[in-house]
Amino acid sequence: MLIHILDILGTAVFAISGVLAAGRKKMDISGVVVIAAVTAIGGGTLRDVLLGRHPIFWFHDPTYLYVILAAAVATMLYTRFFRPPHRLLLLADAVGLATFVVLGANAASVAALPMVIVVLLAVMTGVVGGVIRDVLCAEIPLVLQKDIYMLAALAGASIYVILKMAAGWDNTLVTLLAMGCVIVLRLAAIFWHLHLPLYQVRETPLKG
């Protein structure tokens, strides 16, 4: 029950982040809905394909599509009359990331995959929707920027694997702790401008 609720929540939140990203690029309504959809179901679709789960979750249950449409319409109506906070996109993305990291970890653990694969699949489930969103909106994906993003997903997935698969803790508690870790790290990066060291290649200029 908890997993299904989180799945719906993550779908709605990532759809909202997609609408906000598309709105900043002044897309038409159809474009907004497309961006919302691929953001919301992109990671879960990859997860199901890699796990060989058929039919894919939103083929089996079209409720997810209704949730995306409802979230998109509600967000467009809200932003039509009110100005959303500047960081709302990042905040919505943080919640979506945390939710889908846990969902990916849960699905991979149920499939009895090795721990390292569970972590990798959890991270991919969390970040792929946002990557597709940013690429389609002609932005550098958040996962490739200096903000703590991939690290947050890795930390949350690792906590899930260690506490659930290795220590055998209660799934509900582990889920909340893993999500909390991702959200706290992302919010710290957003509000305190934390980031990993940057890498830059300094090339010798050509002479003559």
C-alpha atoms as a PDB file:
ATOM      1  CA  MET A   1       0.000   0.000   0.000  1.00  0.00           C
ATOM      2  CA  LEU A   2       2.782   2.420   0.958  1.00  0.00           C
ATOM      3  CA  ILE A   3       4.690   1.675  -2.248  1.00  0.00           C
ATOM      4  CA  HIS A   4       1.613   2.351  -4.385  1.00  0.00           C
ATOM      5  CA  ILE A   5       0.953   5.645  -2.578  1.00  0.00           C
ATOM      6  CA  LEU A   6       4.568   6.694  -3.098  1.00  0.00           C
ATOM      7  CA  ASP A   7       4.340   5.718  -6.770  1.00  0.00           C
ATOM      8  CA  ILE A   8       1.324   7.990  -7.265  1.00  0.00           C
ATOM      9  CA  LEU A   9       2.950  10.788  -5.232  1.00  0.00           C
ATOM     10  CA  GLY A  10       6.200  10.580  -7.186  1.00  0.00           C
ATOM     11  CA  THR A  11       4.327  10.580 -10.479  1.00  0.00           C
ATOM     12  CA  ALA A  12       2.391  13.715  -9.510  1.00  0.00           C
ATOM     13  CA  VAL A  13       5.421  15.579  -8.162  1.00  0.00           C
ATOM     14  CA  PHE A  14       7.632  14.796 -11.149  1.00  0.00           C
ATOM     15  CA  ALA A  15       4.771  15.806 -13.462  1.00  0.00           C
ATOM     16  CA  ILE A  16       4.632  19.155 -11.643  1.00  0.00           C
ATOM     17  CA  SER A  17       8.374  19.629 -12.115  1.00  0.00           C
ATOM     18  CA  GLY A  18       7.939  18.878 -15.810  1.00  0.00           C
ATOM     19  CA  VAL A  19       5.191  21.485 -16.156  1.00  0.00           C
ATOM     20  CA  LEU A  20       7.306  24.125 -14.431  1.00  0.00           C
ATOM     21  CA  ALA A  21      10.320  23.345 -16.626  1.00  0.00           C
ATOM     22  CA  ALA A  22       8.208  23.476 -19.801  1.00  0.00           C
ATOM     23  CA  GLY A  23       6.558  26.706 -18.657  1.00  0.00           C
ATOM     24  CA  ARG A  24       9.917  28.382 -18.288  1.00  0.00           C
ATOM     25  CA  LYS A  25      10.563  27.526 -21.947  1.00  0.00           C
ATOM     26  CA  LYS A  26       7.156  28.926 -22.987  1.00  0.00           C
ATOM     27  CA  MET A  27       5.942  25.687 -24.563  1.00  0.00           C
ATOM     28  CA  ASP A  28       2.373  25.243 -25.748  1.00  0.00           C
ATOM     29  CA  ILE A  29      -0.091  23.172 -23.740  1.00  0.00           C
ATOM     30  CA  SER A  30       0.560  19.942 -25.633  1.00  0.00           C
ATOM     31  CA  GLY A  31       4.295  20.366 -25.113  1.00  0.00           C
ATOM     32  CA  VAL A  32       3.754  20.969 -21.412  1.00  0.00           C
ATOM     33  CA  VAL A  33       1.760  17.746 -21.051  1.00  0.00           C
ATOM     34  CA  VAL A  34       4.389  15.766 -22.974  1.00  0.00           C
ATOM     35  CA  ILE A  35       7.198  17.063 -20.760  1.00  0.00           C
ATOM     36  CA  ALA A  36       5.132  16.325 -17.645  1.00  0.00           C
ATOM     37  CA  ALA A  37       4.483  12.775 -18.843  1.00  0.00           C
ATOM     38  CA  VAL A  38       8.026  11.824 -19.802  1.00  0.00           C
ATOM     39  CA  THR A  39       9.344  13.310 -16.563  1.00  0.00           C
ATOM     40  CA  ALA A  40       6.853  11.371 -14.472  1.00  0.00           C
ATOM     41  CA  ILE A  41       7.061   7.952 -16.136  1.00  0.00           C
ATOM     42  CA  GLY A  42      10.515   7.957 -17.743  1.00  0.00           C
ATOM     43  CA  GLY A  43      12.393   6.468 -14.797  1.00  0.00           C
ATOM     44  CA  GLY A  44       9.740   3.881 -13.984  1.00  0.00           C
ATOM     45  CA  THR A  45       9.535   2.805 -17.612  1.00  0.00           C
ATOM     46  CA  LEU A  46      13.293   2.200 -17.757  1.00  0.00           C
ATOM     47  CA  ARG A  47      13.069   0.302 -14.464  1.00  0.00           C
ATOM     48  CA  ASP A  48      10.378  -2.033 -15.787  1.00  0.00           C
ATOM     49  CA  VAL A  49      12.175  -2.584 -19.103  1.00  0.00           C
ATOM     50  CA  LEU A  50      15.443  -3.501 -17.373  1.00  0.00           C
ATOM     51  CA  LEU A  51      13.641  -5.807 -14.950  1.00  0.00           C
ATOM     52  CA  GLY A  52      11.644  -7.410 -17.757  1.00  0.00           C
ATOM     53  CA  ARG A  53       8.355  -6.473 -16.109  1.00  0.00           C
ATOM     54  CA  HIS A  54       5.489  -6.666 -18.594  1.00  0.00           C
ATOM     55  CA  PRO A  55       3.230  -4.944 -19.102  1.00  0.00           C
ATOM     56  CA  ILE A  56       4.989  -1.718 -18.094  1.00  0.00           C
ATOM     57  CA  PHE A  57       3.344  -0.207 -15.029  1.00  0.00           C
ATOM     58  CA  TRP A  58       1.419   2.537 -16.811  1.00  0.00           C
ATOM     59  CA  PHE A  59       0.220   0.105 -19.494  1.00  0.00           C
ATOM     60  CA  HIS A  60      -1.191  -2.083 -16.745  1.00  0.00           C
ATOM     61  CA  ASP A  61      -2.685   0.787 -14.711  1.00  0.00           C
ATOM     62  CA  PRO A  62      -3.631   3.956 -16.660  1.00  0.00           C
ATOM     63  CA  THR A  63      -4.276   5.721 -13.343  1.00  0.00           C
ATOM     64  CA  TYR A  64      -0.755   7.076 -13.651  1.00  0.00           C
ATOM     65  CA  LEU A  65      -1.690   8.881 -16.875  1.00  0.00           C
ATOM     66  CA  TYR A  66      -4.738  10.401 -15.203  1.00  0.00           C
ATOM     67  CA  VAL A  67      -2.562  11.567 -12.310  1.00  0.00           C
ATOM     68  CA  ILE A  68      -0.114  13.172 -14.735  1.00  0.00           C
ATOM     69  CA  LEU A  69      -2.887  14.971 -16.590  1.00  0.00           C
ATOM     70  CA  ALA A  70      -4.523  16.162 -13.367  1.00  0.00           C
ATOM     71  CA  ALA A  71      -1.205  17.383 -11.940  1.00  0.00           C
ATOM     72  CA  ALA A  72      -0.354  19.158 -15.203  1.00  0.00           C
ATOM     73  CA  VAL A  73      -3.724  20.915 -15.442  1.00  0.00           C
ATOM     74  CA  ALA A  74      -3.704  21.894 -11.756  1.00  0.00           C
ATOM     75  CA  THR A  75      -0.164  23.287 -12.016  1.00  0.00           C
ATOM     76  CA  MET A  76      -0.958  25.250 -15.169  1.00  0.00           C
ATOM     77  CA  LEU A  77      -4.069  26.723 -13.539  1.00  0.00           C
ATOM     78  CA  TYR A  78      -2.165  27.626 -10.385  1.00  0.00           C
ATOM     79  CA  THR A  79       0.687  29.296 -12.243  1.00  0.00           C
ATOM     80  CA  ARG A  80      -1.823  31.147 -14.408  1.00  0.00           C
ATOM     81  CA  PHE A  81      -2.942  33.156 -11.384  1.00  0.00           C
ATOM     82  CA  PHE A  82      -0.003  32.902  -8.977  1.00  0.00           C
ATOM     83  CA  ARG A  83       3.748  33.141  -9.292  1.00  0.00           C
ATOM     84  CA  PRO A  84       5.358  29.959  -7.965  1.00  0.00           C
ATOM     85  CA  PRO A  85       8.477  30.293  -5.783  1.00  0.00           C
ATOM     86  CA  HIS A  86      11.682  30.432  -7.790  1.00  0.00           C
ATOM     87  CA  ARG A  87      12.956  27.187  -6.261  1.00  0.00           C
ATOM     88  CA  LEU A  88       9.697  25.256  -6.592  1.00  0.00           C
ATOM     89  CA  LEU A  89      11.013  23.270  -9.565  1.00  0.00           C
ATOM     90  CA  LEU A  90      14.043  22.149  -7.572  1.00  0.00           C
ATOM     91  CA  LEU A  91      11.915  21.309  -4.533  1.00  0.00           C
ATOM     92  CA  ALA A  92       9.447  19.267  -6.586  1.00  0.00           C
ATOM     93  CA  ASP A  93      12.352  17.501  -8.273  1.00  0.00           C
ATOM     94  CA  ALA A  94      13.891  16.654  -4.884  1.00  0.00           C
ATOM     95  CA  VAL A  95      10.707  14.952  -3.674  1.00  0.00           C
ATOM     96  CA  GLY A  96      10.286  13.124  -6.983  1.00  0.00           C
ATOM     97  CA  LEU A  97      13.909  11.986  -6.932  1.00  0.00           C
ATOM     98  CA  ALA A  98      13.596  10.629  -3.392  1.00  0.00           C
ATOM     99  CA  THR A  99      10.372   8.812  -4.191  1.00  0.00           C
ATOM    100  CA  PHE A 100      11.566   7.127  -7.356  1.00  0.00           C
ATOM    101  CA  VAL A 101      14.929   6.141  -5.887  1.00  0.00           C
ATOM    102  CA  VAL A 102      13.075   4.193  -3.197  1.00  0.00           C
ATOM    103  CA  LEU A 103      10.631   2.699  -5.717  1.00  0.00           C
ATOM    104  CA  GLY A 104      13.493   1.558  -7.921  1.00  0.00           C
ATOM    105  CA  ALA A 105      15.327   0.044  -4.954  1.00  0.00           C
ATOM    106  CA  ASN A 106      12.191  -1.763  -3.798  1.00  0.00           C
ATOM    107  CA  ALA A 107      11.491  -3.224  -7.250  1.00  0.00           C
ATOM    108  CA  ALA A 108      15.080  -4.387  -7.696  1.00  0.00           C
ATOM    109  CA  SER A 109      15.246  -5.918  -4.207  1.00  0.00           C
ATOM    110  CA  VAL A 110      12.020  -7.845  -4.827  1.00  0.00           C
ATOM    111  CA  ALA A 111      13.682  -9.250  -7.956  1.00  0.00           C
ATOM    112  CA  ALA A 112      16.499 -10.557  -5.704  1.00  0.00           C
ATOM    113  CA  LEU A 113      19.247  -8.750  -7.610  1.00  0.00           C
ATOM    114  CA  PRO A 114      22.737  -8.173  -6.149  1.00  0.00           C
ATOM    115  CA  MET A 115      23.007  -5.145  -3.865  1.00  0.00           C
ATOM    116  CA  VAL A 116      25.166  -3.104  -6.225  1.00  0.00           C
ATOM    117  CA  ILE A 117      22.647  -3.636  -9.027  1.00  0.00           C
ATOM    118  CA  VAL A 118      19.822  -2.604  -6.712  1.00  0.00           C
ATOM    119  CA  VAL A 119      21.637   0.663  -5.979  1.00  0.00           C
ATOM    120  CA  LEU A 120      22.331   1.357  -9.662  1.00  0.00           C
ATOM    121  CA  LEU A 121      18.765   0.585 -10.718  1.00  0.00           C
ATOM    122  CA  ALA A 122      17.410   2.771  -7.911  1.00  0.00           C
ATOM    123  CA  VAL A 123      19.550   5.694  -9.062  1.00  0.00           C
ATOM    124  CA  MET A 124      18.532   5.225 -12.698  1.00  0.00           C
ATOM    125  CA  THR A 125      14.862   5.087 -11.732  1.00  0.00           C
ATOM    126  CA  GLY A 126      15.268   8.333  -9.827  1.00  0.00           C
ATOM    127  CA  VAL A 127      17.237  10.402 -12.315  1.00  0.00           C
ATOM    128  CA  VAL A 128      16.129   9.320 -15.801  1.00  0.00           C
ATOM    129  CA  GLY A 129      12.818  11.224 -15.820  1.00  0.00           C
ATOM    130  CA  GLY A 130      14.574  14.443 -14.858  1.00  0.00           C
ATOM    131  CA  VAL A 131      17.297  13.867 -17.437  1.00  0.00           C
ATOM    132  CA  ILE A 132      14.723  13.465 -20.216  1.00  0.00           C
ATOM    133  CA  ARG A 133      12.909  16.580 -19.009  1.00  0.00           C
ATOM    134  CA  ASP A 134      16.053  18.697 -18.988  1.00  0.00           C
ATOM    135  CA  VAL A 135      17.275  17.441 -22.365  1.00  0.00           C
ATOM    136  CA  LEU A 136      13.922  18.161 -24.032  1.00  0.00           C
ATOM    137  CA  CYS A 137      13.935  21.610 -22.417  1.00  0.00           C
ATOM    138  CA  ALA A 138      17.464  22.266 -23.735  1.00  0.00           C
ATOM    139  CA  GLU A 139      18.985  22.432 -20.261  1.00  0.00           C
ATOM    140  CA  ILE A 140      22.029  20.692 -18.809  1.00  0.00           C
ATOM    141  CA  PRO A 141      20.520  17.846 -16.740  1.00  0.00           C
ATOM    142  CA  LEU A 142      20.643  18.429 -12.989  1.00  0.00           C
ATOM    143  CA  VAL A 143      22.449  15.122 -12.571  1.00  0.00           C
ATOM    144  CA  LEU A 144      25.387  16.536 -14.578  1.00  0.00           C
ATOM    145  CA  GLN A 145      25.573  19.855 -12.785  1.00  0.00           C
ATOM    146  CA  LYS A 146      27.687  20.691  -9.756  1.00  0.00           C
ATOM    147  CA  ASP A 147      24.794  20.441  -7.298  1.00  0.00           C
ATOM    148  CA  ILE A 148      24.645  17.341  -5.096  1.00  0.00           C
ATOM    149  CA  TYR A 149      22.189  15.245  -7.104  1.00  0.00           C
ATOM    150  CA  MET A 150      23.679  11.905  -8.088  1.00  0.00           C
ATOM    151  CA  LEU A 151      25.290  11.701  -4.641  1.00  0.00           C
ATOM    152  CA  ALA A 152      21.906  12.219  -2.977  1.00  0.00           C
ATOM    153  CA  ALA A 153      20.369   9.415  -5.053  1.00  0.00           C
ATOM    154  CA  LEU A 154      23.311   7.100  -4.312  1.00  0.00           C
ATOM    155  CA  ALA A 155      23.110   7.841  -0.592  1.00  0.00           C
ATOM    156  CA  GLY A 156      19.384   7.142  -0.417  1.00  0.00           C
ATOM    157  CA  ALA A 157      19.685   3.927  -2.432  1.00  0.00           C
ATOM    158  CA  SER A 158      22.622   2.759  -0.294  1.00  0.00           C
ATOM    159  CA  ILE A 159      20.710   3.365   2.931  1.00  0.00           C
ATOM    160  CA  TYR A 160      17.804   1.338   1.562  1.00  0.00           C
ATOM    161  CA  VAL A 161      20.062  -1.559   0.558  1.00  0.00           C
ATOM    162  CA  ILE A 162      22.047  -1.607   3.795  1.00  0.00           C
ATOM    163  CA  LEU A 163      19.092  -1.339   6.169  1.00  0.00           C
ATOM    164  CA  LYS A 164      16.590  -3.449   4.228  1.00  0.00           C
ATOM    165  CA  MET A 165      18.601  -6.113   2.422  1.00  0.00           C
ATOM    166  CA  ALA A 166      21.591  -6.424   4.761  1.00  0.00           C
ATOM    167  CA  ALA A 167      20.091  -5.622   8.181  1.00  0.00           C
ATOM    168  CA  GLY A 168      16.496  -6.712   7.520  1.00  0.00           C
ATOM    169  CA  TRP A 169      14.820  -3.587   8.931  1.00  0.00           C
ATOM    170  CA  ASP A 170      11.112  -2.882   8.484  1.00  0.00           C
ATOM    171  CA  ASN A 171      10.355  -1.776   4.915  1.00  0.00           C
ATOM    172  CA  THR A 172       8.263   1.253   5.946  1.00  0.00           C
ATOM    173  CA  LEU A 173      10.975   2.626   8.230  1.00  0.00           C
ATOM    174  CA  VAL A 174      13.705   1.996   5.672  1.00  0.00           C
ATOM    175  CA  THR A 175      11.641   3.687   2.951  1.00  0.00           C
ATOM    176  CA  LEU A 176      11.128   6.819   5.043  1.00  0.00           C
ATOM    177  CA  LEU A 177      14.789   6.984   6.085  1.00  0.00           C
ATOM    178  CA  ALA A 178      16.039   6.569   2.520  1.00  0.00           C
ATOM    179  CA  MET A 179      13.643   9.207   1.184  1.00  0.00           C
ATOM    180  CA  GLY A 180      14.560  11.551   4.017  1.00  0.00           C
ATOM    181  CA  CYS A 181      18.251  11.189   3.216  1.00  0.00           C
ATOM    182  CA  VAL A 182      17.735  12.106  -0.447  1.00  0.00           C
ATOM    183  CA  ILE A 183      15.501  15.077   0.352  1.00  0.00           C
ATOM    184  CA  VAL A 184      17.790  16.447   3.084  1.00  0.00           C
ATOM    185  CA  LEU A 185      20.870  16.248   0.850  1.00  0.00           C
ATOM    186  CA  ARG A 186      19.067  17.892  -2.073  1.00  0.00           C
ATOM    187  CA  LEU A 187      17.629  20.672   0.108  1.00  0.00           C
ATOM    188  CA  ALA A 188      21.052  21.289   1.658  1.00  0.00           C
ATOM    189  CA  ALA A 189      22.544  21.597  -1.833  1.00  0.00           C
ATOM    190  CA  ILE A 190      19.731  23.929  -2.956  1.00  0.00           C
ATOM    191  CA  PHE A 191      19.639  26.292   0.011  1.00  0.00           C
ATOM    192  CA  TRP A 192      23.282  26.226   1.098  1.00  0.00           C
ATOM    193  CA  HIS A 193      24.774  25.901  -2.392  1.00  0.00           C
ATOM    194  CA  LEU A 194      26.701  22.756  -1.542  1.00  0.00           C
ATOM    195  CA  HIS A 195      28.416  20.953  -4.380  1.00  0.00           C
ATOM    196  CA  LEU A 196      31.125  18.451  -5.154  1.00  0.00           C
ATOM    197  CA  PRO A 197      34.583  19.613  -6.330  1.00  0.00           C
ATOM    198  CA  LEU A 198      34.577  20.670  -9.963  1.00  0.00           C
ATOM    199  CA  TYR A 199      36.820  19.080 -12.562  1.00  0.00           C
ATOM    200  CA  GLN A 200      38.357  21.108 -15.369  1.00  0.00           C
ATOM    201  CA  VAL A 201      40.935  20.221 -17.986  1.00  0.00           C
ATOM    202  CA  ARG A 202      43.463  22.986 -18.600  1.00  0.00           C
ATOM    203  CA  GLU A 203      44.853  22.624 -22.081  1.00  0.00           C
ATOM    204  CA  THR A 204      48.042  24.183 -23.331  1.00  0.00           C
ATOM    205  CA  PRO A 205      47.158  26.818 -25.946  1.00  0.00           C
ATOM    206  CA  LEU A 206      48.343  26.220 -29.488  1.00  0.00           C
ATOM    207  CA  LYS A 207      51.314  28.297 -30.593  1.00  0.00           C
ATOM    208  CA  GLY A 208      51.785  29.960 -33.905  1.00  0.00           C
END
